[in-house]
């Protein structure tokens, strides 16, 4: 299982980010993300999505990272398809998230490379 942590550093303060911390209305954003991810996973051929076995992703949107491409959401084996398919990843461009982001959240976030 992938495990990652995201942090935001502002004015010398470090805070750990959960997915809900990114959004003004986490429930509305989670519902929108569920639809966005479902559509993208369908295009990727995720069996659980294509077959209709998985219809609501809002409960499994926990593994994420903020990347140069946007918000990356990770779906581990068995979550949307068989183990043999491996992990699926959906990248949501930051521009698509702007209407949902919490006030003051920097939309030009680029992760620092180590």
N, C-alpha and C. Protein backbone atom coordinates (compact mmCIF):
# COMPACT_ATOMS: atom_id res chain seq x y z
N UNK A 1 0.84 -1.18 0.00
CA UNK A 1 0.00 0.00 0.00
C UNK A 1 0.88 1.24 0.00
N UNK A 2 0.55 2.16 -0.89
CA UNK A 2 1.29 3.43 -0.95
C UNK A 2 0.87 4.28 0.24
N UNK A 3 1.83 4.91 0.84
CA UNK A 3 1.51 5.85 1.90
C UNK A 3 2.39 7.07 1.72
N UNK A 4 1.76 8.20 1.65
CA UNK A 4 2.50 9.44 1.50
C UNK A 4 1.85 10.52 2.34
N UNK A 5 2.61 11.50 2.67
CA UNK A 5 2.10 12.61 3.45
C UNK A 5 2.37 13.89 2.68
N UNK A 6 1.43 14.81 2.73
CA UNK A 6 1.60 16.11 2.10
C UNK A 6 1.60 17.17 3.17
N UNK A 7 2.48 18.15 2.99
CA UNK A 7 2.61 19.23 3.95
C UNK A 7 2.56 20.57 3.23
N UNK A 8 2.12 21.58 3.94
CA UNK A 8 2.13 22.93 3.42
C UNK A 8 2.95 23.77 4.39
N UNK A 9 3.88 24.52 3.86
CA UNK A 9 4.71 25.40 4.67
C UNK A 9 4.34 26.83 4.33
N UNK A 10 3.81 27.56 5.31
CA UNK A 10 3.46 28.96 5.12
C UNK A 10 3.95 29.76 6.32
N UNK A 11 4.65 30.82 6.02
CA UNK A 11 5.16 31.71 7.07
C UNK A 11 5.87 30.95 8.17
N UNK A 12 6.66 29.96 7.78
CA UNK A 12 7.44 29.20 8.74
C UNK A 12 6.68 28.12 9.48
N UNK A 13 5.38 28.00 9.22
CA UNK A 13 4.56 26.98 9.88
C UNK A 13 4.38 25.79 8.94
N UNK A 14 4.54 24.60 9.49
CA UNK A 14 4.36 23.38 8.71
C UNK A 14 3.07 22.72 9.16
N UNK A 15 2.21 22.40 8.18
CA UNK A 15 0.98 21.69 8.52
C UNK A 15 0.77 20.53 7.57
N UNK A 16 0.36 19.41 8.13
CA UNK A 16 0.07 18.22 7.34
C UNK A 16 -1.28 18.42 6.65
N UNK A 17 -1.35 18.05 5.39
CA UNK A 17 -2.58 18.21 4.63
C UNK A 17 -3.31 16.90 4.46
N UNK A 18 -4.58 16.93 4.76
CA UNK A 18 -5.48 15.85 4.39
C UNK A 18 -6.25 16.34 3.17
N UNK A 19 -6.89 15.46 2.47
CA UNK A 19 -7.63 15.86 1.28
C UNK A 19 -8.67 16.93 1.61
N UNK A 20 -9.36 16.79 2.72
CA UNK A 20 -10.38 17.76 3.11
C UNK A 20 -9.81 19.16 3.33
N UNK A 21 -8.54 19.24 3.71
CA UNK A 21 -7.91 20.54 3.97
C UNK A 21 -7.75 21.38 2.71
N UNK A 22 -7.80 20.75 1.56
CA UNK A 22 -7.59 21.47 0.31
C UNK A 22 -8.82 22.25 -0.15
N UNK A 23 -9.98 21.91 0.39
CA UNK A 23 -11.22 22.41 -0.19
C UNK A 23 -12.09 23.24 0.75
N UNK A 24 -12.80 24.20 0.16
CA UNK A 24 -13.76 25.02 0.92
C UNK A 24 -14.88 24.15 1.46
N UNK A 25 -15.45 23.34 0.59
CA UNK A 25 -16.54 22.44 0.96
C UNK A 25 -16.08 21.01 0.62
N UNK A 26 -15.46 20.33 1.59
CA UNK A 26 -14.89 19.01 1.31
C UNK A 26 -15.89 18.00 0.76
N UNK A 27 -17.14 18.05 1.21
CA UNK A 27 -18.15 17.08 0.74
C UNK A 27 -18.47 17.31 -0.74
N UNK A 28 -18.64 18.56 -1.10
CA UNK A 28 -18.94 18.90 -2.49
C UNK A 28 -17.74 18.56 -3.38
N UNK A 29 -16.55 18.89 -2.92
CA UNK A 29 -15.34 18.60 -3.69
C UNK A 29 -15.14 17.09 -3.84
N UNK A 30 -15.39 16.34 -2.78
CA UNK A 30 -15.23 14.88 -2.82
C UNK A 30 -16.21 14.27 -3.82
N UNK A 31 -17.44 14.79 -3.85
CA UNK A 31 -18.43 14.29 -4.80
C UNK A 31 -17.98 14.59 -6.23
N UNK A 32 -17.47 15.81 -6.47
CA UNK A 32 -17.00 16.19 -7.80
C UNK A 32 -15.79 15.33 -8.19
N UNK A 33 -14.86 15.15 -7.26
CA UNK A 33 -13.68 14.32 -7.52
C UNK A 33 -14.06 12.88 -7.83
N UNK A 34 -15.07 12.36 -7.15
CA UNK A 34 -15.52 11.00 -7.38
C UNK A 34 -15.97 10.83 -8.83
N UNK A 35 -16.73 11.79 -9.33
CA UNK A 35 -17.21 11.73 -10.73
C UNK A 35 -16.03 11.89 -11.69
N UNK A 36 -15.16 12.86 -11.42
CA UNK A 36 -14.01 13.10 -12.28
C UNK A 36 -13.13 11.84 -12.37
N UNK A 37 -12.84 11.26 -11.21
CA UNK A 37 -11.99 10.07 -11.17
C UNK A 37 -12.67 8.88 -11.82
N UNK A 38 -13.96 8.71 -11.58
CA UNK A 38 -14.69 7.60 -12.20
C UNK A 38 -14.59 7.68 -13.72
N UNK A 39 -14.80 8.89 -14.28
CA UNK A 39 -14.73 9.06 -15.73
C UNK A 39 -13.33 8.77 -16.26
N UNK A 40 -12.31 9.25 -15.55
CA UNK A 40 -10.93 9.01 -15.98
C UNK A 40 -10.56 7.53 -15.87
N UNK A 41 -10.98 6.89 -14.78
CA UNK A 41 -10.69 5.47 -14.60
C UNK A 41 -11.41 4.62 -15.64
N UNK A 42 -12.59 5.05 -16.05
CA UNK A 42 -13.30 4.34 -17.12
C UNK A 42 -12.47 4.41 -18.40
N UNK A 43 -11.92 5.61 -18.71
CA UNK A 43 -11.07 5.76 -19.90
C UNK A 43 -9.82 4.88 -19.80
N UNK A 44 -9.34 4.69 -18.57
CA UNK A 44 -8.15 3.85 -18.36
C UNK A 44 -8.47 2.35 -18.42
N UNK A 45 -9.77 2.03 -18.38
CA UNK A 45 -10.18 0.63 -18.44
C UNK A 45 -10.21 -0.09 -17.12
N UNK A 46 -10.33 0.64 -16.01
CA UNK A 46 -10.40 0.00 -14.69
C UNK A 46 -11.64 -0.89 -14.63
N UNK A 47 -11.42 -2.18 -14.47
CA UNK A 47 -12.49 -3.16 -14.58
C UNK A 47 -13.66 -2.90 -13.63
N UNK A 48 -13.37 -2.55 -12.39
CA UNK A 48 -14.44 -2.30 -11.42
C UNK A 48 -15.34 -1.14 -11.82
N UNK A 49 -14.78 -0.18 -12.50
CA UNK A 49 -15.54 0.98 -12.98
C UNK A 49 -16.30 0.61 -14.24
N UNK A 50 -15.61 0.00 -15.20
CA UNK A 50 -16.22 -0.36 -16.49
C UNK A 50 -17.39 -1.32 -16.28
N UNK A 51 -17.22 -2.27 -15.37
CA UNK A 51 -18.28 -3.26 -15.13
C UNK A 51 -19.43 -2.72 -14.30
N UNK A 52 -19.23 -1.58 -13.65
CA UNK A 52 -20.26 -1.02 -12.79
C UNK A 52 -20.21 -1.52 -11.36
N UNK A 53 -19.23 -2.37 -11.04
CA UNK A 53 -19.10 -2.90 -9.68
C UNK A 53 -18.74 -1.79 -8.69
N UNK A 54 -18.01 -0.78 -9.15
CA UNK A 54 -17.64 0.36 -8.31
C UNK A 54 -18.27 1.60 -8.93
N UNK A 55 -19.13 2.27 -8.17
CA UNK A 55 -19.81 3.45 -8.71
C UNK A 55 -19.49 4.72 -7.93
N UNK A 56 -19.18 4.60 -6.65
CA UNK A 56 -18.90 5.77 -5.83
C UNK A 56 -17.49 5.68 -5.28
N UNK A 57 -16.66 6.64 -5.67
CA UNK A 57 -15.26 6.63 -5.24
C UNK A 57 -15.02 7.54 -4.04
N UNK A 58 -16.02 8.28 -3.60
CA UNK A 58 -15.79 9.30 -2.56
C UNK A 58 -15.21 8.72 -1.28
N UNK A 59 -15.47 7.45 -0.99
CA UNK A 59 -14.95 6.84 0.22
C UNK A 59 -13.52 6.33 0.11
N UNK A 60 -12.96 6.34 -1.11
CA UNK A 60 -11.60 5.82 -1.27
C UNK A 60 -10.65 6.87 -1.86
N UNK A 61 -10.98 8.12 -1.68
CA UNK A 61 -10.13 9.21 -2.17
C UNK A 61 -9.21 9.69 -1.05
N UNK A 62 -8.35 8.84 -0.59
CA UNK A 62 -7.49 9.20 0.54
C UNK A 62 -6.02 9.31 0.19
N UNK A 63 -5.60 8.57 -0.82
CA UNK A 63 -4.18 8.55 -1.17
C UNK A 63 -3.94 9.54 -2.29
N UNK A 64 -3.20 10.61 -1.98
CA UNK A 64 -3.01 11.67 -2.96
C UNK A 64 -1.65 12.32 -2.79
N UNK A 65 -1.27 13.06 -3.81
CA UNK A 65 -0.06 13.88 -3.76
C UNK A 65 -0.31 15.10 -4.63
N UNK A 66 0.29 16.21 -4.25
CA UNK A 66 0.24 17.40 -5.07
C UNK A 66 1.48 17.36 -5.96
N UNK A 67 1.26 17.36 -7.26
CA UNK A 67 2.36 17.21 -8.21
C UNK A 67 2.39 18.41 -9.16
N UNK A 68 3.40 18.45 -10.00
CA UNK A 68 3.47 19.52 -11.00
C UNK A 68 2.28 19.46 -11.94
N UNK A 69 1.72 18.28 -12.17
CA UNK A 69 0.58 18.12 -13.06
C UNK A 69 -0.75 18.45 -12.42
N UNK A 70 -0.79 18.52 -11.10
CA UNK A 70 -2.05 18.78 -10.39
C UNK A 70 -2.17 17.86 -9.18
N UNK A 71 -3.38 17.50 -8.86
CA UNK A 71 -3.65 16.61 -7.73
C UNK A 71 -3.65 15.17 -8.26
N UNK A 72 -2.72 14.37 -7.78
CA UNK A 72 -2.65 12.96 -8.18
C UNK A 72 -3.38 12.13 -7.13
N UNK A 73 -4.35 11.35 -7.56
CA UNK A 73 -5.08 10.45 -6.67
C UNK A 73 -4.72 9.03 -7.05
N UNK A 74 -4.39 8.23 -6.04
CA UNK A 74 -3.91 6.87 -6.26
C UNK A 74 -4.96 5.87 -5.80
N UNK A 75 -5.19 4.88 -6.64
CA UNK A 75 -6.15 3.83 -6.34
C UNK A 75 -5.40 2.50 -6.32
N UNK A 76 -5.19 1.94 -5.13
CA UNK A 76 -4.39 0.72 -5.01
C UNK A 76 -5.10 -0.49 -5.63
N UNK A 77 -4.34 -1.58 -5.84
CA UNK A 77 -4.95 -2.80 -6.37
C UNK A 77 -6.18 -3.19 -5.54
N UNK A 78 -7.15 -3.74 -6.20
CA UNK A 78 -8.44 -4.18 -5.65
C UNK A 78 -9.43 -3.05 -5.44
N UNK A 79 -9.01 -1.79 -5.42
CA UNK A 79 -9.97 -0.71 -5.14
C UNK A 79 -10.88 -0.42 -6.33
N UNK A 80 -10.34 -0.52 -7.55
CA UNK A 80 -11.16 -0.27 -8.75
C UNK A 80 -10.94 -1.33 -9.83
N UNK A 81 -10.18 -2.33 -9.50
CA UNK A 81 -9.90 -3.39 -10.47
C UNK A 81 -9.17 -4.53 -9.80
N UNK A 82 -8.91 -5.60 -10.55
CA UNK A 82 -8.22 -6.75 -9.96
C UNK A 82 -6.76 -6.42 -9.65
N UNK A 83 -6.19 -7.21 -8.77
CA UNK A 83 -4.81 -7.00 -8.34
C UNK A 83 -3.84 -6.97 -9.52
N UNK A 84 -4.09 -7.81 -10.50
CA UNK A 84 -3.18 -7.91 -11.64
C UNK A 84 -3.08 -6.58 -12.41
N UNK A 85 -4.09 -5.74 -12.33
CA UNK A 85 -4.05 -4.43 -12.98
C UNK A 85 -3.10 -3.47 -12.28
N UNK A 86 -2.81 -3.74 -11.02
CA UNK A 86 -1.95 -2.85 -10.25
C UNK A 86 -2.67 -1.58 -9.82
N UNK A 87 -1.89 -0.57 -9.54
CA UNK A 87 -2.43 0.69 -9.06
C UNK A 87 -2.86 1.57 -10.24
N UNK A 88 -3.93 2.29 -10.04
CA UNK A 88 -4.37 3.30 -11.01
C UNK A 88 -4.09 4.67 -10.42
N UNK A 89 -3.80 5.63 -11.30
CA UNK A 89 -3.56 7.01 -10.88
C UNK A 89 -4.39 7.94 -11.75
N UNK A 90 -5.01 8.91 -11.12
CA UNK A 90 -5.74 9.95 -11.82
C UNK A 90 -5.10 11.28 -11.46
N UNK A 91 -4.76 12.08 -12.47
CA UNK A 91 -4.20 13.41 -12.24
C UNK A 91 -5.29 14.43 -12.57
N UNK A 92 -5.64 15.25 -11.59
CA UNK A 92 -6.63 16.30 -11.78
C UNK A 92 -5.87 17.62 -11.89
N UNK A 93 -5.90 18.27 -13.06
CA UNK A 93 -5.19 19.54 -13.21
C UNK A 93 -5.66 20.57 -12.19
N UNK A 94 -4.72 21.34 -11.67
CA UNK A 94 -5.04 22.33 -10.64
C UNK A 94 -6.10 23.32 -11.13
N UNK A 95 -6.09 23.65 -12.42
CA UNK A 95 -7.08 24.58 -12.95
C UNK A 95 -8.50 24.04 -12.78
N UNK A 96 -8.68 22.73 -12.85
CA UNK A 96 -10.00 22.13 -12.65
C UNK A 96 -10.44 22.19 -11.19
N UNK A 97 -9.48 22.29 -10.28
CA UNK A 97 -9.79 22.29 -8.85
C UNK A 97 -10.10 23.68 -8.31
N UNK A 98 -9.70 24.72 -9.02
CA UNK A 98 -9.81 26.09 -8.50
C UNK A 98 -11.18 26.42 -7.90
N UNK A 99 -12.29 26.04 -8.53
CA UNK A 99 -13.59 26.39 -7.93
C UNK A 99 -13.84 25.76 -6.56
N UNK A 100 -13.10 24.74 -6.24
CA UNK A 100 -13.33 23.98 -5.00
C UNK A 100 -12.30 24.25 -3.92
N UNK A 101 -11.17 24.83 -4.28
CA UNK A 101 -10.07 24.98 -3.34
C UNK A 101 -10.40 25.94 -2.20
N UNK A 102 -9.82 25.66 -1.06
CA UNK A 102 -9.99 26.52 0.12
C UNK A 102 -9.41 27.90 -0.18
N UNK A 103 -10.01 28.91 0.42
CA UNK A 103 -9.54 30.28 0.25
C UNK A 103 -8.07 30.35 0.65
N UNK A 104 -7.28 30.99 -0.19
CA UNK A 104 -5.87 31.16 0.12
C UNK A 104 -4.99 30.00 -0.27
N UNK A 105 -5.60 28.91 -0.76
CA UNK A 105 -4.76 27.77 -1.15
C UNK A 105 -4.01 28.15 -2.43
N UNK A 106 -2.69 28.00 -2.43
CA UNK A 106 -1.92 28.40 -3.61
C UNK A 106 -2.16 27.45 -4.78
N UNK A 107 -2.69 27.99 -5.89
CA UNK A 107 -2.98 27.14 -7.05
C UNK A 107 -1.76 26.95 -7.93
N UNK A 108 -0.69 27.63 -7.62
CA UNK A 108 0.53 27.47 -8.40
C UNK A 108 1.54 26.60 -7.66
N UNK A 109 1.04 25.72 -6.81
CA UNK A 109 1.89 24.86 -6.00
C UNK A 109 2.68 23.91 -6.90
N UNK A 110 3.97 23.92 -6.70
CA UNK A 110 4.85 22.96 -7.36
C UNK A 110 5.67 22.32 -6.26
N UNK A 111 5.62 21.01 -6.15
CA UNK A 111 6.36 20.34 -5.07
C UNK A 111 7.86 20.57 -5.21
N UNK A 112 8.49 20.66 -4.09
CA UNK A 112 9.94 20.80 -4.04
C UNK A 112 10.56 19.42 -4.25
N UNK A 113 11.48 19.34 -5.20
CA UNK A 113 12.16 18.08 -5.47
C UNK A 113 13.33 17.93 -4.51
N UNK A 114 13.57 16.72 -4.07
CA UNK A 114 14.70 16.46 -3.17
C UNK A 114 15.92 16.11 -3.96
